[in-house]
Amino acid sequence: MKDLNRLKVVLVEQKKTGKWLAEQLGKDPSTVSKWCSNKMQPSLEMLVNIAKVLDLSLIHICEP
């Protein structure tokens, strides 16, 4: 079974796109795409920023 990516799930739940998230964070959309596909992981500092942008606690993004 493929690992579920929580960031991808949260974006879908909030009806947001990776492109939108990239714009909010000042990142390239391809970077966010890599995070969503588990090809790359954001730093802890970036996870905090993602949580703020999505108005969530860090636990909601990191929990399995």
C-alpha atoms as a PDB file:
ATOM      1  CA  MET A   1       0.000   0.000   0.000  1.00  0.00           C
ATOM      2  CA  LYS A   2       1.279   3.430  -0.908  1.00  0.00           C
ATOM      3  CA  ASP A   3       2.009   5.877   1.908  1.00  0.00           C
ATOM      4  CA  LEU A   4      -0.657   8.523   2.330  1.00  0.00           C
ATOM      5  CA  ASN A   5       0.640  12.072   2.139  1.00  0.00           C
ATOM      6  CA  ARG A   6      -1.028  14.208   4.801  1.00  0.00           C
ATOM      7  CA  LEU A   7      -0.213  17.526   3.119  1.00  0.00           C
ATOM      8  CA  LYS A   8      -1.942  16.400  -0.045  1.00  0.00           C
ATOM      9  CA  VAL A   9      -5.001  15.305   1.965  1.00  0.00           C
ATOM     10  CA  VAL A  10      -5.174  18.612   3.842  1.00  0.00           C
ATOM     11  CA  LEU A  11      -5.026  20.587   0.590  1.00  0.00           C
ATOM     12  CA  VAL A  12      -7.907  18.547  -0.817  1.00  0.00           C
ATOM     13  CA  GLU A  13      -9.921  18.923   2.405  1.00  0.00           C
ATOM     14  CA  GLN A  14      -9.466  22.697   2.265  1.00  0.00           C
ATOM     15  CA  LYS A  15     -10.125  22.826  -1.488  1.00  0.00           C
ATOM     16  CA  LYS A  16      -6.718  24.390  -2.072  1.00  0.00           C
ATOM     17  CA  THR A  17      -4.134  23.583  -4.721  1.00  0.00           C
ATOM     18  CA  GLY A  18      -0.425  23.031  -4.534  1.00  0.00           C
ATOM     19  CA  LYS A  19      -0.032  26.095  -6.752  1.00  0.00           C
ATOM     20  CA  TRP A  20      -1.983  28.187  -4.233  1.00  0.00           C
ATOM     21  CA  LEU A  21       0.178  26.903  -1.371  1.00  0.00           C
ATOM     22  CA  ALA A  22       3.352  27.632  -3.340  1.00  0.00           C
ATOM     23  CA  GLU A  23       2.208  31.218  -3.918  1.00  0.00           C
ATOM     24  CA  GLN A  24       1.443  31.691  -0.206  1.00  0.00           C
ATOM     25  CA  LEU A  25       4.868  30.370   0.784  1.00  0.00           C
ATOM     26  CA  GLY A  26       6.888  32.026  -1.988  1.00  0.00           C
ATOM     27  CA  LYS A  27       7.972  28.622  -3.259  1.00  0.00           C
ATOM     28  CA  ASP A  28       8.081  27.101  -6.714  1.00  0.00           C
ATOM     29  CA  PRO A  29       4.984  24.962  -7.433  1.00  0.00           C
ATOM     30  CA  SER A  30       7.269  22.061  -8.354  1.00  0.00           C
ATOM     31  CA  THR A  31       8.686  22.100  -4.812  1.00  0.00           C
ATOM     32  CA  VAL A  32       5.209  21.804  -3.291  1.00  0.00           C
ATOM     33  CA  SER A  33       4.426  19.049  -5.789  1.00  0.00           C
ATOM     34  CA  LYS A  34       7.492  17.125  -4.574  1.00  0.00           C
ATOM     35  CA  TRP A  35       6.313  17.518  -0.976  1.00  0.00           C
ATOM     36  CA  CYS A  36       2.866  16.203  -1.916  1.00  0.00           C
ATOM     37  CA  SER A  37       4.294  13.209  -3.746  1.00  0.00           C
ATOM     38  CA  ASN A  38       6.833  12.358  -0.995  1.00  0.00           C
ATOM     39  CA  LYS A  39       9.775  12.925  -3.350  1.00  0.00           C
ATOM     40  CA  MET A  40      11.066  15.581  -0.969  1.00  0.00           C
ATOM     41  CA  GLN A  41      10.178  16.717   2.562  1.00  0.00           C
ATOM     42  CA  PRO A  42       9.866  20.300   3.785  1.00  0.00           C
ATOM     43  CA  SER A  43      12.087  21.487   6.606  1.00  0.00           C
ATOM     44  CA  LEU A  44      10.635  21.815  10.099  1.00  0.00           C
ATOM     45  CA  GLU A  45      10.612  25.607   9.676  1.00  0.00           C
ATOM     46  CA  MET A  46       8.681  25.242   6.420  1.00  0.00           C
ATOM     47  CA  LEU A  47       6.220  22.833   8.082  1.00  0.00           C
ATOM     48  CA  VAL A  48       5.505  25.530  10.659  1.00  0.00           C
ATOM     49  CA  ASN A  49       4.900  28.026   7.832  1.00  0.00           C
ATOM     50  CA  ILE A  50       2.630  25.552   6.022  1.00  0.00           C
ATOM     51  CA  ALA A  51       0.609  25.026   9.200  1.00  0.00           C
ATOM     52  CA  LYS A  52       0.194  28.795   9.616  1.00  0.00           C
ATOM     53  CA  VAL A  53      -0.899  29.300   6.003  1.00  0.00           C
ATOM     54  CA  LEU A  54      -3.411  26.461   6.265  1.00  0.00           C
ATOM     55  CA  ASP A  55      -4.553  27.635   9.719  1.00  0.00           C
ATOM     56  CA  LEU A  56      -3.781  24.272  11.322  1.00  0.00           C
ATOM     57  CA  SER A  57      -1.646  23.018  14.152  1.00  0.00           C
ATOM     58  CA  LEU A  58       1.503  21.152  13.147  1.00  0.00           C
ATOM     59  CA  ILE A  59      -0.002  17.891  14.385  1.00  0.00           C
ATOM     60  CA  HIS A  60      -2.691  18.032  11.671  1.00  0.00           C
ATOM     61  CA  ILE A  61      -0.073  18.106   8.940  1.00  0.00           C
ATOM     62  CA  CYS A  62       2.310  15.554  10.427  1.00  0.00           C
ATOM     63  CA  GLU A  63      -0.019  12.906  11.859  1.00  0.00           C
ATOM     64  CA  PRO A  64      -0.487   9.711   9.820  1.00  0.00           C
END
